[in-house]
Amino acid sequence: DFQSHLQRCQQLSVTVLTDHQDLSNTGLRTILNSTAPQQYRIRAKLRTFKPQKLHQSIKLHCSKCNSLKEVPNADDFNLFLQESAATAPNPELHNTSWYDSVMWTTQDQKQRKIAIHFVKHDEMLQEPEDTLLMIEGGTLKEVWKLSRRFKCVIPVRSTEDDLELLDLSAPFLLQGSVKYYGCKQCSTPKTIKSLSTLAAEQRPSWEPTEIAQVLGIVPLQYVFIMKFTLVDGTGALNAYLFDY
């Protein structure tokens, strides 16, 4: 696996870390004393790497403000869903010209009110694999069930005038097992009514980038980041891996 592979790299006396076969080897001390940008070929040991656990390498990156944030865990998302469920769905916002609504009360002690709004196309509901829906008052388990069956799921809550997204610390969209987040600094969220412009298209694709754009969201991208410390006897160099 990845962890044992890195450990083997550390145990090797010398590891070739870059290609550039046309270049001669340059010591790390020379590289550290040079001005960027330059191109070098090195031979070095891998002394340390961070983070130690692979899942900790995944971050969320905003290409607009260049910020990095940790990927929220399931408990954080569940907390936002619980907070939003404290506000009961507003029946006056149900069954509009561009979505059909279904509401029911759970049979448990809490008797939660759940509303699901199915976005229509040409006044018709689409097949589940092509459907975008919005859910109010659902639990994490219920949201996951829906995201496995329908193409797109957007968690929302009611206001007096329209449906709105949850706090952007929560995902603004779920597709299958993928959660999409927006940058809190750069986004200016609009009301859900903005989605009606996509629903009116001839063949709405419900692509995350298009959904983010009409909702005023600057999407965050998942990135893979690691830090390697390389040594060759002349010096130590920190190398960073950053990729989408």
Protein backbone atom coordinates (compact mmCIF):
# COMPACT_ATOMS: atom_id res chain seq x y z
CA ASP A 1 0.00 0.00 0.00
CA PHE A 2 0.95 3.67 -0.08
CA GLN A 3 2.29 3.74 3.49
CA SER A 4 4.60 0.74 3.06
CA HIS A 5 5.78 2.09 -0.28
CA LEU A 6 6.91 5.33 1.35
CA GLN A 7 8.60 3.40 4.14
CA ARG A 8 10.54 1.40 1.55
CA CYS A 9 11.60 4.65 -0.11
CA GLN A 10 12.98 5.85 3.22
CA GLN A 11 14.98 2.64 3.68
CA LEU A 12 16.69 2.86 0.26
CA SER A 13 20.17 4.38 0.39
CA VAL A 14 19.52 6.55 -2.66
CA THR A 15 16.23 7.27 -4.41
CA VAL A 16 16.00 8.94 -7.83
CA LEU A 17 13.19 11.44 -7.38
CA THR A 18 13.18 13.26 -10.70
CA ASP A 19 13.86 12.38 -14.33
CA HIS A 20 15.66 14.91 -16.60
CA GLN A 21 18.22 12.36 -17.79
CA ASP A 22 19.89 15.04 -19.93
CA LEU A 23 20.90 16.99 -16.79
CA SER A 24 23.77 16.16 -14.46
CA ASN A 25 23.06 15.77 -10.73
CA THR A 26 23.07 18.93 -8.63
CA GLY A 27 23.56 19.01 -4.86
CA LEU A 28 20.74 20.31 -2.72
CA ARG A 29 22.98 23.03 -1.22
CA THR A 30 23.51 24.49 -4.70
CA ILE A 31 19.76 24.42 -5.35
CA LEU A 32 19.01 26.14 -2.03
CA ASN A 33 21.45 28.94 -2.91
CA SER A 34 20.01 29.43 -6.40
CA THR A 35 17.21 31.76 -7.48
CA ALA A 36 14.01 30.27 -8.88
CA PRO A 37 12.93 29.19 -11.40
CA GLN A 38 15.57 26.65 -12.41
CA GLN A 39 15.49 23.03 -13.55
CA TYR A 40 17.64 20.44 -11.79
CA ARG A 41 18.15 16.72 -11.51
CA ILE A 42 18.84 15.38 -8.04
CA ARG A 43 19.69 12.15 -6.25
CA ALA A 44 18.50 12.21 -2.65
CA LYS A 45 17.13 10.28 0.29
CA LEU A 46 13.57 10.71 1.50
CA ARG A 47 14.06 11.58 5.17
CA THR A 48 10.49 12.38 6.28
CA PHE A 49 7.06 12.90 4.82
CA LYS A 50 3.88 14.56 6.09
CA PRO A 51 1.08 13.87 6.74
CA GLN A 52 1.63 10.34 8.02
CA LYS A 53 -1.94 9.22 7.19
CA LEU A 54 -2.99 9.34 3.57
CA HIS A 55 -6.53 10.65 4.18
CA GLN A 56 -5.07 13.73 5.90
CA SER A 57 -3.50 14.74 2.56
CA ILE A 58 -6.88 15.60 1.05
CA LYS A 59 -7.79 19.28 1.42
CA LEU A 60 -10.25 21.74 -0.13
CA HIS A 61 -8.74 24.52 -2.24
CA CYS A 62 -10.24 27.75 -3.56
CA SER A 63 -8.66 28.77 -6.86
CA LYS A 64 -9.96 32.33 -6.42
CA CYS A 65 -8.53 33.30 -3.01
CA ASN A 66 -6.01 30.41 -2.90
CA SER A 67 -7.18 29.32 0.56
CA LEU A 68 -6.97 25.76 1.89
CA LYS A 69 -9.33 24.15 4.38
CA GLU A 70 -9.83 20.76 5.93
CA VAL A 71 -12.52 18.51 4.49
CA PRO A 72 -15.41 18.54 7.04
CA ASN A 73 -16.25 15.15 8.50
CA ALA A 74 -19.66 13.46 8.55
CA ASP A 75 -20.34 14.63 12.13
CA ASP A 76 -19.99 18.28 11.07
CA PHE A 77 -22.44 17.77 8.19
CA ASN A 78 -24.89 15.96 10.45
CA LEU A 79 -24.80 18.87 12.90
CA PHE A 80 -25.73 21.36 10.17
CA LEU A 81 -28.60 19.13 9.07
CA GLN A 82 -29.88 18.92 12.65
CA GLU A 83 -29.73 22.70 13.03
CA SER A 84 -31.60 23.25 9.76
CA ALA A 85 -34.26 20.71 10.80
CA ALA A 86 -35.16 22.99 13.72
CA THR A 87 -36.91 25.24 11.17
CA ALA A 88 -40.03 23.53 9.84
CA PRO A 89 -40.56 23.53 6.05
CA ASN A 90 -42.69 26.44 4.84
CA PRO A 91 -45.75 24.99 2.99
CA GLU A 92 -46.14 28.25 1.06
CA LEU A 93 -42.93 27.43 -0.82
CA HIS A 94 -44.16 24.03 -2.01
CA ASN A 95 -45.26 22.96 -5.51
CA THR A 96 -44.06 25.85 -7.64
CA SER A 97 -44.00 26.04 -11.43
CA TRP A 98 -40.57 24.38 -11.53
CA TYR A 99 -40.62 21.81 -8.72
CA ASP A 100 -43.08 19.41 -7.06
CA SER A 101 -43.01 18.97 -3.29
CA VAL A 102 -43.75 16.11 -0.92
CA MET A 103 -43.87 16.56 2.86
CA TRP A 104 -44.36 14.11 5.70
CA THR A 105 -43.82 13.79 9.46
CA THR A 106 -41.55 11.09 10.85
CA GLN A 107 -43.03 8.51 13.24
CA ASP A 108 -40.24 8.78 15.81
CA GLN A 109 -40.32 10.81 19.03
CA LYS A 110 -38.98 13.94 17.39
CA GLN A 111 -41.68 13.89 14.69
CA ARG A 112 -39.48 15.73 12.22
CA LYS A 113 -41.08 17.37 9.23
CA ILE A 114 -39.28 16.48 6.01
CA ALA A 115 -39.89 18.09 2.64
CA ILE A 116 -38.45 16.95 -0.68
CA HIS A 117 -38.72 19.17 -3.75
CA PHE A 118 -38.30 17.45 -7.13
CA VAL A 119 -37.19 19.82 -9.88
CA LYS A 120 -39.28 19.46 -13.06
CA HIS A 121 -38.30 19.82 -16.71
CA ASP A 122 -40.96 20.82 -19.26
CA GLU A 123 -43.47 20.49 -16.39
CA MET A 124 -42.53 16.81 -16.06
CA LEU A 125 -40.47 14.91 -13.49
CA GLN A 126 -37.35 13.32 -14.92
CA GLU A 127 -36.00 9.81 -14.35
CA PRO A 128 -34.27 9.47 -10.93
CA GLU A 129 -30.80 9.28 -12.51
CA ASP A 130 -31.47 12.67 -14.17
CA THR A 131 -33.30 14.34 -11.29
CA LEU A 132 -32.17 17.18 -9.06
CA LEU A 133 -33.98 17.41 -5.75
CA MET A 134 -33.81 19.54 -2.63
CA ILE A 135 -34.38 18.23 0.89
CA GLU A 136 -35.42 20.00 4.10
CA GLY A 137 -35.22 18.44 7.55
CA GLY A 138 -33.46 15.23 6.50
CA THR A 139 -30.86 13.35 8.51
CA LEU A 140 -27.44 12.39 7.18
CA LYS A 141 -28.65 8.84 6.55
CA GLU A 142 -31.67 10.07 4.57
CA VAL A 143 -29.56 12.47 2.50
CA TRP A 144 -27.12 9.66 1.62
CA LYS A 145 -29.96 7.37 0.57
CA LEU A 146 -31.32 10.01 -1.78
CA SER A 147 -27.90 10.84 -3.24
CA ARG A 148 -27.39 7.20 -4.17
CA ARG A 149 -30.65 7.08 -6.11
CA PHE A 150 -31.00 10.55 -7.64
CA LYS A 151 -28.48 12.52 -9.69
CA CYS A 152 -28.19 15.60 -7.45
CA VAL A 153 -29.28 16.40 -3.90
CA ILE A 154 -29.17 19.91 -2.42
CA PRO A 155 -29.82 20.32 1.33
CA VAL A 156 -31.92 23.46 1.93
CA ARG A 157 -34.03 25.24 4.53
CA SER A 158 -37.06 27.51 4.34
CA THR A 159 -37.22 31.25 4.75
CA GLU A 160 -40.34 33.41 4.48
CA ASP A 161 -39.75 34.05 0.77
CA ASP A 162 -37.74 31.17 -0.69
CA LEU A 163 -35.63 28.11 -0.06
CA GLU A 164 -31.97 28.76 0.70
CA LEU A 165 -28.74 26.81 1.03
CA LEU A 166 -27.39 25.79 4.42
CA ASP A 167 -24.25 27.42 5.79
CA LEU A 168 -21.40 26.85 3.32
CA SER A 169 -19.53 24.83 5.92
CA ALA A 170 -21.92 22.12 4.73
CA PRO A 171 -21.87 20.80 1.14
CA PHE A 172 -24.10 22.74 -1.24
CA LEU A 173 -24.54 19.66 -3.45
CA LEU A 174 -24.20 15.89 -3.29
CA GLN A 175 -23.75 13.58 -6.27
CA GLY A 176 -23.46 9.93 -5.37
CA SER A 177 -20.73 9.72 -2.73
CA VAL A 178 -19.17 13.07 -3.70
CA LYS A 179 -19.83 16.18 -1.60
CA TYR A 180 -19.31 19.59 -3.21
CA TYR A 181 -18.33 22.57 -1.07
CA GLY A 182 -18.23 26.32 -1.72
CA CYS A 183 -15.77 28.96 -0.51
CA LYS A 184 -17.29 30.99 2.31
CA GLN A 185 -15.02 33.96 1.56
CA CYS A 186 -15.61 34.23 -2.18
CA SER A 187 -19.21 33.03 -2.57
CA THR A 188 -22.31 35.21 -2.57
CA PRO A 189 -25.10 32.62 -2.25
CA LYS A 190 -28.36 33.29 -4.08
CA THR A 191 -31.78 31.85 -3.30
CA ILE A 192 -32.71 28.47 -4.72
CA LYS A 193 -35.05 30.18 -7.19
CA SER A 194 -31.93 30.82 -9.29
CA LEU A 195 -31.94 27.12 -10.21
CA SER A 196 -35.12 27.60 -12.24
CA THR A 197 -33.02 29.05 -15.08
CA LEU A 198 -31.17 25.71 -15.39
CA ALA A 199 -34.43 23.75 -15.14
CA ALA A 200 -35.76 25.75 -18.10
CA GLU A 201 -32.91 24.64 -20.36
CA GLN A 202 -33.66 22.18 -23.15
CA ARG A 203 -31.58 19.42 -21.57
CA PRO A 204 -30.51 20.34 -18.03
CA SER A 205 -27.32 18.43 -17.26
CA TRP A 206 -27.11 19.44 -13.60
CA GLU A 207 -23.34 19.77 -13.75
CA PRO A 208 -21.87 20.89 -10.38
CA THR A 209 -20.01 23.83 -11.98
CA GLU A 210 -23.21 25.14 -13.59
CA ILE A 211 -25.22 24.67 -10.39
CA ALA A 212 -22.53 26.51 -8.41
CA GLN A 213 -22.49 29.39 -10.88
CA VAL A 214 -26.23 30.07 -10.83
CA LEU A 215 -26.28 29.78 -7.03
CA GLY A 216 -23.45 32.31 -6.65
CA ILE A 217 -21.05 29.70 -5.28
CA VAL A 218 -17.30 29.66 -5.90
CA PRO A 219 -16.64 25.91 -5.68
CA LEU A 220 -13.80 24.40 -3.70
CA GLN A 221 -11.71 21.69 -5.36
CA TYR A 222 -10.36 18.58 -3.69
CA VAL A 223 -6.56 18.64 -3.74
CA PHE A 224 -3.86 16.19 -2.67
CA ILE A 225 -1.01 17.74 -0.68
CA MET A 226 2.12 16.18 0.79
CA LYS A 227 5.43 17.50 2.10
CA PHE A 228 8.67 15.53 1.59
CA THR A 229 12.02 16.35 3.17
CA LEU A 230 14.91 15.30 0.91
CA VAL A 231 18.57 15.01 1.94
CA ASP A 232 21.75 14.24 -0.04
CA GLY A 233 24.61 15.05 2.35
CA THR A 234 24.95 18.66 1.13
CA GLY A 235 21.66 19.95 2.49
CA ALA A 236 17.96 19.31 3.13
CA LEU A 237 15.16 20.43 0.83
CA ASN A 238 11.42 20.47 1.43
CA ALA A 239 9.44 19.36 -1.62
CA TYR A 240 5.67 19.84 -1.83
CA LEU A 241 3.26 17.77 -3.88
CA PHE A 242 0.07 19.62 -4.83
CA ASP A 243 -2.34 18.11 -7.34
CA TYR A 244 -6.04 17.87 -8.14
